[in-house]
Amino acid sequence: MTNKKKQFRILLDQYHGMSLFSSRHVRELRKNGFDLLRVNSALDKNILSEADVLVIWFTRYHENIFAHFMPEELDLIREYIESGGAAFLIGLGWVWTSYEDTPAIDDYPLNLIAEPFGIFFSEAIIADVGGVSYEQEPITFHRPFFASHPITKNVEKIGASDSAPGSLIVEEPAIPVVWGNDETSDSDRFKNPVILAANENAGSGRIVCLQHASYIEKFEFDNFVLLQNILNWLAGNDENMDGVPGESKSISVPLEPDRLENDLEMKTVLELGRIIDKYFNEFEIKTLCMDLEIDPENLPHETKVQMAIELVAFMDRRMEADKLILLLRDRRPKVKEFSDDWFNRD
């Protein structure tokens, strides 16, 4: 018997949002395991129950008119995510404040959905990089200004010609996934602005937010790879390092001969490392290393979570795990896990 590959159902909300995918997208996505469903009516529980991933590209229609969500629809989408659903929200905050009659960014419908999960579409625009306008050259985003995440696997650079993205404001437990280089600032003069963010702890669900559809819609650079990665991750089809969907690869940390004399048990090293991975992006983990006088390049790792675990193990071997924990509490004072007593666990 031949095992038929599972088709993931991607629901495109064209009642509130714009049409997103061309016929080429449809063919390529279907070939790669995605069944695209379009809805042109108000959302309800029955419609959402058919979706593995809800996708909304929310921007103005012709003549600068926006669609409007009913309050019960916004509640329904949030409940859908919290109860284990997945949503990919694509918008442009600066377009909302430029064209809507009452342009309060707090009232932007995507913010009413995403802000409870730690992601906010700002009204700031990224119109140039180092003084070179988006009308002259595409604004691109590239490594190493990516998080180590399934979404960025095999993605080296994304970009879109004649497109000016906006920036996102990201708070834990959401994480920044793609951000600008050191020459990139938004109109709020915020350096290294984030355009793509994710939260895998949105209740029981997952959410990804992007400030401009062109970065997954246009077949330029690695945009289509990024799109497939986003949909796979949201649908729960993200692959581990061995390429097996839905299974976690075990992580080994080299042990020192004096392991039993250290402060932390092995299981605690792994647990704390995974919590650091959850709340810090790769750049922030490297900053932690440097603040603790560790060269991050000297920590053997292949993924972000391995780097975090190696950092904990290294500080533990130096008998300075307490310094790391104090630093974590200082950087993330609202994270309950870092206030736990790591030295008195069974």
Foldseek 3Di string as FASTA:
>chain_A
DDDDQAAAEEEEEVLQAPDFADPVLCVVNVVVRYDYHYDNDQDDPVVLVNHQEYEGEFAADPPLHGDDHDPVSLVVLLVCFLVAHEYEYEYALLRQLVRPPPNDQCPPSVCSNCVVQFKGFDNWKFQAFLPHGLQRPWQKWAPPQFFQDLLCPPAGMFTARPDIFGAMGGDPLKDAGTWHDQRTAIPVRHGRGGFKIKHCPSNNAIYIYGGDSRRQHPPDRCNVSSVVSSVCVRSQQRAEPVRDGPDHDDADEDADPVNVVFQADPVLLLVQLVVCPSRDTQVVLCVLCVVVVHRLVPQDDDGSSSSSSSVCNVCRVVNNNVVSLVVVCVVCVPDPVSVDDRRDDD
